[in-house]
Amino acid sequence: MLSGTPHTFIGSTTFTVSGMTCGHCERAVTEEIGAVTGVGSVIVDLATGAVTVTATEPVDRADVAAAVAEAGYTLLP
């Protein structure tokens, strides 16, 4: 995580995920991040690797990174 970046967030935050190439990738990332407590929605843009996460309560960025890793991909800093 970049220094100066808060560990938690509420509202919409966009992350970049490496390695997604197809609809299966999109579903896997959406499912894993969507299971994180506090996440209200996940929108994946396969073309850019952008993943926009909207949190309804504080979500730790480390939990998002762990969910992406569980899906088999890498969250870029």
PDB file of N, CA and C in Angstrom:
ATOM      1  N   MET A   1       0.852  -1.166   0.000  1.00  0.00           N
ATOM      2  CA  MET A   1       0.000   0.000   0.000  1.00  0.00           C
ATOM      3  C   MET A   1       0.901   1.234   0.000  1.00  0.00           C
ATOM      4  N   LEU A   2       0.481   2.260  -0.708  1.00  0.00           N
ATOM      5  CA  LEU A   2       1.252   3.489  -0.785  1.00  0.00           C
ATOM      6  C   LEU A   2       1.235   4.209   0.550  1.00  0.00           C
ATOM      7  N   SER A   3       2.370   4.802   0.924  1.00  0.00           N
ATOM      8  CA  SER A   3       2.402   5.528   2.189  1.00  0.00           C
ATOM      9  C   SER A   3       1.479   6.740   2.078  1.00  0.00           C
ATOM     10  N   GLY A   4       0.830   7.059   3.148  1.00  0.00           N
ATOM     11  CA  GLY A   4      -0.108   8.173   3.144  1.00  0.00           C
ATOM     12  C   GLY A   4      -1.507   7.782   2.721  1.00  0.00           C
ATOM     13  N   THR A   5      -1.694   6.556   2.243  1.00  0.00           N
ATOM     14  CA  THR A   5      -3.015   6.072   1.856  1.00  0.00           C
ATOM     15  C   THR A   5      -3.692   5.506   3.098  1.00  0.00           C
ATOM     16  N   PRO A   6      -4.911   5.952   3.406  1.00  0.00           N
ATOM     17  CA  PRO A   6      -5.607   5.407   4.579  1.00  0.00           C
ATOM     18  C   PRO A   6      -5.790   3.888   4.451  1.00  0.00           C
ATOM     19  N   HIS A   7      -5.736   3.198   5.582  1.00  0.00           N
ATOM     20  CA  HIS A   7      -5.896   1.742   5.574  1.00  0.00           C
ATOM     21  C   HIS A   7      -7.334   1.327   5.285  1.00  0.00           C
ATOM     22  N   THR A   8      -8.296   2.140   5.689  1.00  0.00           N
ATOM     23  CA  THR A   8      -9.699   1.806   5.458  1.00  0.00           C
ATOM     24  C   THR A   8     -10.354   2.878   4.590  1.00  0.00           C
ATOM     25  N   PHE A   9     -11.497   2.518   3.995  1.00  0.00           N
ATOM     26  CA  PHE A   9     -12.238   3.474   3.190  1.00  0.00           C
ATOM     27  C   PHE A   9     -13.732   3.203   3.303  1.00  0.00           C
ATOM     28  N   ILE A  10     -14.516   4.241   3.029  1.00  0.00           N
ATOM     29  CA  ILE A  10     -15.970   4.159   2.892  1.00  0.00           C
ATOM     30  C   ILE A  10     -16.296   4.886   1.597  1.00  0.00           C
ATOM     31  N   GLY A  11     -17.315   4.428   0.883  1.00  0.00           N
ATOM     32  CA  GLY A  11     -17.645   5.023  -0.406  1.00  0.00           C
ATOM     33  C   GLY A  11     -16.945   4.257  -1.508  1.00  0.00           C
ATOM     34  N   SER A  12     -16.768   4.897  -2.658  1.00  0.00           N
ATOM     35  CA  SER A  12     -16.173   4.220  -3.815  1.00  0.00           C
ATOM     36  C   SER A  12     -14.682   4.458  -3.909  1.00  0.00           C
ATOM     37  N   THR A  13     -13.951   3.373  -4.132  1.00  0.00           N
ATOM     38  CA  THR A  13     -12.511   3.408  -4.341  1.00  0.00           C
ATOM     39  C   THR A  13     -12.187   2.478  -5.491  1.00  0.00           C
ATOM     40  N   THR A  14     -11.286   2.912  -6.371  1.00  0.00           N
ATOM     41  CA  THR A  14     -10.916   2.086  -7.517  1.00  0.00           C
ATOM     42  C   THR A  14      -9.520   1.518  -7.310  1.00  0.00           C
ATOM     43  N   PHE A  15      -9.421   0.217  -7.521  1.00  0.00           N
ATOM     44  CA  PHE A  15      -8.161  -0.515  -7.423  1.00  0.00           C
ATOM     45  C   PHE A  15      -7.794  -1.014  -8.818  1.00  0.00           C
ATOM     46  N   THR A  16      -6.533  -1.397  -9.002  1.00  0.00           N
ATOM     47  CA  THR A  16      -6.107  -2.023 -10.247  1.00  0.00           C
ATOM     48  C   THR A  16      -5.699  -3.457  -9.936  1.00  0.00           C
ATOM     49  N   VAL A  17      -6.272  -4.390 -10.696  1.00  0.00           N
ATOM     50  CA  VAL A  17      -6.010  -5.818 -10.495  1.00  0.00           C
ATOM     51  C   VAL A  17      -5.320  -6.359 -11.741  1.00  0.00           C
ATOM     52  N   SER A  18      -4.232  -7.073 -11.531  1.00  0.00           N
ATOM     53  CA  SER A  18      -3.448  -7.648 -12.620  1.00  0.00           C
ATOM     54  C   SER A  18      -3.851  -9.096 -12.871  1.00  0.00           C
ATOM     55  N   GLY A  19      -3.897  -9.477 -14.148  1.00  0.00           N
ATOM     56  CA  GLY A  19      -4.090 -10.874 -14.515  1.00  0.00           C
ATOM     57  C   GLY A  19      -5.482 -11.264 -14.960  1.00  0.00           C
ATOM     58  N   MET A  20      -6.455 -10.361 -14.903  1.00  0.00           N
ATOM     59  CA  MET A  20      -7.819 -10.695 -15.330  1.00  0.00           C
ATOM     60  C   MET A  20      -7.899 -10.630 -16.853  1.00  0.00           C
ATOM     61  N   THR A  21      -8.456 -11.690 -17.459  1.00  0.00           N
ATOM     62  CA  THR A  21      -8.516 -11.725 -18.925  1.00  0.00           C
ATOM     63  C   THR A  21      -9.876 -12.129 -19.494  1.00  0.00           C
ATOM     64  N   CYS A  22     -10.800 -12.603 -18.634  1.00  0.00           N
ATOM     65  CA  CYS A  22     -12.052 -13.133 -19.175  1.00  0.00           C
ATOM     66  C   CYS A  22     -13.203 -12.971 -18.178  1.00  0.00           C
ATOM     67  N   GLY A  23     -14.365 -13.401 -18.589  1.00  0.00           N
ATOM     68  CA  GLY A  23     -15.540 -13.316 -17.740  1.00  0.00           C
ATOM     69  C   GLY A  23     -15.397 -14.112 -16.452  1.00  0.00           C
ATOM     70  N   HIS A  24     -14.728 -15.252 -16.517  1.00  0.00           N
ATOM     71  CA  HIS A  24     -14.493 -16.041 -15.301  1.00  0.00           C
ATOM     72  C   HIS A  24     -13.670 -15.240 -14.304  1.00  0.00           C
ATOM     73  N   CYS A  25     -12.640 -14.558 -14.793  1.00  0.00           N
ATOM     74  CA  CYS A  25     -11.799 -13.715 -13.932  1.00  0.00           C
ATOM     75  C   CYS A  25     -12.651 -12.642 -13.260  1.00  0.00           C
ATOM     76  N   GLU A  26     -13.477 -12.002 -14.055  1.00  0.00           N
ATOM     77  CA  GLU A  26     -14.351 -10.940 -13.546  1.00  0.00           C
ATOM     78  C   GLU A  26     -15.267 -11.462 -12.444  1.00  0.00           C
ATOM     79  N   ARG A  27     -15.870 -12.624 -12.685  1.00  0.00           N
ATOM     80  CA  ARG A  27     -16.775 -13.208 -11.687  1.00  0.00           C
ATOM     81  C   ARG A  27     -16.031 -13.597 -10.416  1.00  0.00           C
ATOM     82  N   ALA A  28     -14.850 -14.176 -10.554  1.00  0.00           N
ATOM     83  CA  ALA A  28     -14.078 -14.608  -9.384  1.00  0.00           C
ATOM     84  C   ALA A  28     -13.699 -13.416  -8.510  1.00  0.00           C
ATOM     85  N   VAL A  29     -13.217 -12.347  -9.120  1.00  0.00           N
ATOM     86  CA  VAL A  29     -12.820 -11.160  -8.370  1.00  0.00           C
ATOM     87  C   VAL A  29     -14.043 -10.508  -7.733  1.00  0.00           C
ATOM     88  N   THR A  30     -15.129 -10.397  -8.493  1.00  0.00           N
ATOM     89  CA  THR A  30     -16.357  -9.794  -7.973  1.00  0.00           C
ATOM     90  C   THR A  30     -16.882 -10.580  -6.781  1.00  0.00           C
ATOM     91  N   GLU A  31     -16.882 -11.898  -6.883  1.00  0.00           N
ATOM     92  CA  GLU A  31     -17.396 -12.746  -5.808  1.00  0.00           C
ATOM     93  C   GLU A  31     -16.546 -12.631  -4.541  1.00  0.00           C
ATOM     94  N   GLU A  32     -15.231 -12.702  -4.696  1.00  0.00           N
ATOM     95  CA  GLU A  32     -14.347 -12.663  -3.522  1.00  0.00           C
ATOM     96  C   GLU A  32     -14.382 -11.300  -2.835  1.00  0.00           C
ATOM     97  N   ILE A  33     -14.302 -10.219  -3.600  1.00  0.00           N
ATOM     98  CA  ILE A  33     -14.344  -8.892  -2.981  1.00  0.00           C
ATOM     99  C   ILE A  33     -15.730  -8.637  -2.405  1.00  0.00           C
ATOM    100  N   GLY A  34     -16.756  -9.081  -3.098  1.00  0.00           N
ATOM    101  CA  GLY A  34     -18.130  -8.883  -2.626  1.00  0.00           C
ATOM    102  C   GLY A  34     -18.404  -9.563  -1.298  1.00  0.00           C
ATOM    103  N   ALA A  35     -17.620 -10.568  -0.951  1.00  0.00           N
ATOM    104  CA  ALA A  35     -17.799 -11.288   0.310  1.00  0.00           C
ATOM    105  C   ALA A  35     -17.147 -10.571   1.500  1.00  0.00           C
ATOM    106  N   VAL A  36     -16.360  -9.530   1.234  1.00  0.00           N
ATOM    107  CA  VAL A  36     -15.713  -8.779   2.316  1.00  0.00           C
ATOM    108  C   VAL A  36     -16.777  -7.972   3.055  1.00  0.00           C
ATOM    109  N   THR A  37     -16.771  -8.054   4.369  1.00  0.00           N
ATOM    110  CA  THR A  37     -17.734  -7.323   5.197  1.00  0.00           C
ATOM    111  C   THR A  37     -17.638  -5.829   4.917  1.00  0.00           C
ATOM    112  N   GLY A  38     -18.791  -5.218   4.636  1.00  0.00           N
ATOM    113  CA  GLY A  38     -18.854  -3.788   4.381  1.00  0.00           C
ATOM    114  C   GLY A  38     -18.906  -3.416   2.919  1.00  0.00           C
ATOM    115  N   VAL A  39     -18.582  -4.365   2.027  1.00  0.00           N
ATOM    116  CA  VAL A  39     -18.609  -4.084   0.589  1.00  0.00           C
ATOM    117  C   VAL A  39     -20.041  -4.151   0.093  1.00  0.00           C
ATOM    118  N   GLY A  40     -20.488  -3.065  -0.554  1.00  0.00           N
ATOM    119  CA  GLY A  40     -21.842  -3.001  -1.085  1.00  0.00           C
ATOM    120  C   GLY A  40     -21.917  -3.396  -2.544  1.00  0.00           C
ATOM    121  N   SER A  41     -20.877  -3.039  -3.325  1.00  0.00           N
ATOM    122  CA  SER A  41     -20.873  -3.399  -4.741  1.00  0.00           C
ATOM    123  C   SER A  41     -19.450  -3.440  -5.274  1.00  0.00           C
ATOM    124  N   VAL A  42     -19.291  -4.200  -6.369  1.00  0.00           N
ATOM    125  CA  VAL A  42     -18.007  -4.349  -7.036  1.00  0.00           C
ATOM    126  C   VAL A  42     -18.265  -4.250  -8.534  1.00  0.00           C
ATOM    127  N   ILE A  43     -17.539  -3.364  -9.202  1.00  0.00           N
ATOM    128  CA  ILE A  43     -17.661  -3.232 -10.653  1.00  0.00           C
ATOM    129  C   ILE A  43     -16.273  -3.436 -11.251  1.00  0.00           C
ATOM    130  N   VAL A  44     -16.160  -4.413 -12.172  1.00  0.00           N
ATOM    131  CA  VAL A  44     -14.885  -4.757 -12.791  1.00  0.00           C
ATOM    132  C   VAL A  44     -14.880  -4.294 -14.242  1.00  0.00           C
ATOM    133  N   ASP A  45     -13.795  -3.645 -14.651  1.00  0.00           N
ATOM    134  CA  ASP A  45     -13.569  -3.280 -16.049  1.00  0.00           C
ATOM    135  C   ASP A  45     -12.398  -4.124 -16.541  1.00  0.00           C
ATOM    136  N   LEU A  46     -12.712  -5.204 -17.249  1.00  0.00           N
ATOM    137  CA  LEU A  46     -11.673  -6.135 -17.705  1.00  0.00           C
ATOM    138  C   LEU A  46     -10.628  -5.457 -18.572  1.00  0.00           C
ATOM    139  N   ALA A  47     -11.048  -4.558 -19.438  1.00  0.00           N
ATOM    140  CA  ALA A  47     -10.125  -3.926 -20.383  1.00  0.00           C
ATOM    141  C   ALA A  47      -9.001  -3.165 -19.692  1.00  0.00           C
ATOM    142  N   THR A  48      -9.302  -2.539 -18.568  1.00  0.00           N
ATOM    143  CA  THR A  48      -8.301  -1.723 -17.876  1.00  0.00           C
ATOM    144  C   THR A  48      -7.769  -2.374 -16.600  1.00  0.00           C
ATOM    145  N   GLY A  49      -8.469  -3.380 -16.095  1.00  0.00           N
ATOM    146  CA  GLY A  49      -8.096  -3.996 -14.818  1.00  0.00           C
ATOM    147  C   GLY A  49      -8.603  -3.211 -13.630  1.00  0.00           C
ATOM    148  N   ALA A  50      -9.400  -2.170 -13.892  1.00  0.00           N
ATOM    149  CA  ALA A  50      -9.933  -1.346 -12.809  1.00  0.00           C
ATOM    150  C   ALA A  50     -11.066  -2.075 -12.106  1.00  0.00           C
ATOM    151  N   VAL A  51     -11.037  -2.042 -10.786  1.00  0.00           N
ATOM    152  CA  VAL A  51     -12.088  -2.643  -9.968  1.00  0.00           C
ATOM    153  C   VAL A  51     -12.559  -1.565  -8.988  1.00  0.00           C
ATOM    154  N   THR A  52     -13.807  -1.142  -9.156  1.00  0.00           N
ATOM    155  CA  THR A  52     -14.355  -0.116  -8.279  1.00  0.00           C
ATOM    156  C   THR A  52     -15.165  -0.798  -7.190  1.00  0.00           C
ATOM    157  N   VAL A  53     -14.778  -0.533  -5.960  1.00  0.00           N
ATOM    158  CA  VAL A  53     -15.407  -1.138  -4.790  1.00  0.00           C
ATOM    159  C   VAL A  53     -16.136  -0.030  -4.026  1.00  0.00           C
ATOM    160  N   THR A  54     -17.407  -0.259  -3.759  1.00  0.00           N
ATOM    161  CA  THR A  54     -18.174   0.692  -2.960  1.00  0.00           C
ATOM    162  C   THR A  54     -18.443   0.056  -1.609  1.00  0.00           C
ATOM    163  N   ALA A  55     -17.997   0.762  -0.563  1.00  0.00           N
ATOM    164  CA  ALA A  55     -18.132   0.268   0.807  1.00  0.00           C
ATOM    165  C   ALA A  55     -19.223   1.041   1.530  1.00  0.00           C
ATOM    166  N   THR A  56     -20.080   0.298   2.227  1.00  0.00           N
ATOM    167  CA  THR A  56     -21.161   0.912   2.998  1.00  0.00           C
ATOM    168  C   THR A  56     -20.771   1.134   4.454  1.00  0.00           C
ATOM    169  N   GLU A  57     -19.645   0.537   4.847  1.00  0.00           N
ATOM    170  CA  GLU A  57     -19.051   0.728   6.171  1.00  0.00           C
ATOM    171  C   GLU A  57     -17.553   0.587   5.977  1.00  0.00           C
ATOM    172  N   PRO A  58     -16.720   0.979   6.941  1.00  0.00           N
ATOM    173  CA  PRO A  58     -15.270   0.936   6.732  1.00  0.00           C
ATOM    174  C   PRO A  58     -14.775  -0.443   6.281  1.00  0.00           C
ATOM    175  N   VAL A  59     -13.988  -0.439   5.207  1.00  0.00           N
ATOM    176  CA  VAL A  59     -13.393  -1.658   4.669  1.00  0.00           C
ATOM    177  C   VAL A  59     -11.875  -1.460   4.659  1.00  0.00           C
ATOM    178  N   ASP A  60     -11.161  -2.454   5.147  1.00  0.00           N
ATOM    179  CA  ASP A  60      -9.704  -2.403   5.179  1.00  0.00           C
ATOM    180  C   ASP A  60      -9.171  -2.783   3.793  1.00  0.00           C
ATOM    181  N   ARG A  61      -8.268  -1.967   3.272  1.00  0.00           N
ATOM    182  CA  ARG A  61      -7.684  -2.243   1.949  1.00  0.00           C
ATOM    183  C   ARG A  61      -6.963  -3.602   1.939  1.00  0.00           C
ATOM    184  N   ALA A  62      -6.413  -4.012   3.067  1.00  0.00           N
ATOM    185  CA  ALA A  62      -5.743  -5.312   3.151  1.00  0.00           C
ATOM    186  C   ALA A  62      -6.735  -6.450   2.935  1.00  0.00           C
ATOM    187  N   ASP A  63      -7.983  -6.265   3.370  1.00  0.00           N
ATOM    188  CA  ASP A  63      -9.008  -7.287   3.149  1.00  0.00           C
ATOM    189  C   ASP A  63      -9.349  -7.402   1.665  1.00  0.00           C
ATOM    190  N   VAL A  64      -9.353  -6.264   0.969  1.00  0.00           N
ATOM    191  CA  VAL A  64      -9.594  -6.283  -0.475  1.00  0.00           C
ATOM    192  C   VAL A  64      -8.436  -6.993  -1.176  1.00  0.00           C
ATOM    193  N   ALA A  65      -7.207  -6.678  -0.776  1.00  0.00           N
ATOM    194  CA  ALA A  65      -6.034  -7.331  -1.364  1.00  0.00           C
ATOM    195  C   ALA A  65      -6.065  -8.836  -1.129  1.00  0.00           C
ATOM    196  N   ALA A  66      -6.458  -9.253   0.077  1.00  0.00           N
ATOM    197  CA  ALA A  66      -6.542 -10.683   0.388  1.00  0.00           C
ATOM    198  C   ALA A  66      -7.620 -11.361  -0.448  1.00  0.00           C
ATOM    199  N   ALA A  67      -8.736 -10.687  -0.672  1.00  0.00           N
ATOM    200  CA  ALA A  67      -9.819 -11.247  -1.491  1.00  0.00           C
ATOM    201  C   ALA A  67      -9.363 -11.411  -2.935  1.00  0.00           C
ATOM    202  N   VAL A  68      -8.641 -10.431  -3.443  1.00  0.00           N
ATOM    203  CA  VAL A  68      -8.117 -10.512  -4.819  1.00  0.00           C
ATOM    204  C   VAL A  68      -7.133 -11.677  -4.919  1.00  0.00           C
ATOM    205  N   ALA A  69      -6.263 -11.829  -3.923  1.00  0.00           N
ATOM    206  CA  ALA A  69      -5.305 -12.937  -3.915  1.00  0.00           C
ATOM    207  C   ALA A  69      -6.025 -14.281  -3.842  1.00  0.00           C
ATOM    208  N   GLU A  70      -7.089 -14.356  -3.052  1.00  0.00           N
ATOM    209  CA  GLU A  70      -7.866 -15.590  -2.940  1.00  0.00           C
ATOM    210  C   GLU A  70      -8.472 -15.972  -4.286  1.00  0.00           C
ATOM    211  N   ALA A  71      -8.838 -14.965  -5.075  1.00  0.00           N
ATOM    212  CA  ALA A  71      -9.400 -15.217  -6.398  1.00  0.00           C
ATOM    213  C   ALA A  71      -8.313 -15.617  -7.404  1.00  0.00           C
ATOM    214  N   GLY A  72      -7.035 -15.429  -7.029  1.00  0.00           N
ATOM    215  CA  GLY A  72      -5.943 -15.842  -7.882  1.00  0.00           C
ATOM    216  C   GLY A  72      -5.301 -14.719  -8.685  1.00  0.00           C
ATOM    217  N   TYR A  73      -5.512 -13.479  -8.257  1.00  0.00           N
ATOM    218  CA  TYR A  73      -5.005 -12.325  -8.990  1.00  0.00           C
ATOM    219  C   TYR A  73      -4.203 -11.441  -8.059  1.00  0.00           C
ATOM    220  N   THR A  74      -3.643 -10.346  -8.597  1.00  0.00           N
ATOM    221  CA  THR A  74      -2.785  -9.467  -7.819  1.00  0.00           C
ATOM    222  C   THR A  74      -3.343  -8.058  -7.813  1.00  0.00           C
ATOM    223  N   LEU A  75      -3.442  -7.473  -6.632  1.00  0.00           N
ATOM    224  CA  LEU A  75      -3.842  -6.081  -6.489  1.00  0.00           C
ATOM    225  C   LEU A  75      -2.577  -5.243  -6.639  1.00  0.00           C
ATOM    226  N   LEU A  76      -2.560  -4.326  -7.598  1.00  0.00           N
ATOM    227  CA  LEU A  76      -1.396  -3.485  -7.819  1.00  0.00           C
ATOM    228  C   LEU A  76      -1.445  -2.272  -6.889  1.00  0.00           C
ATOM    229  N   PRO A  77      -0.266  -1.810  -6.445  1.00  0.00           N
ATOM    230  CA  PRO A  77      -0.240  -0.649  -5.539  1.00  0.00           C
ATOM    231  C   PRO A  77      -0.681   0.625  -6.245  1.00  0.00           C
TER     232      PRO A  77
END
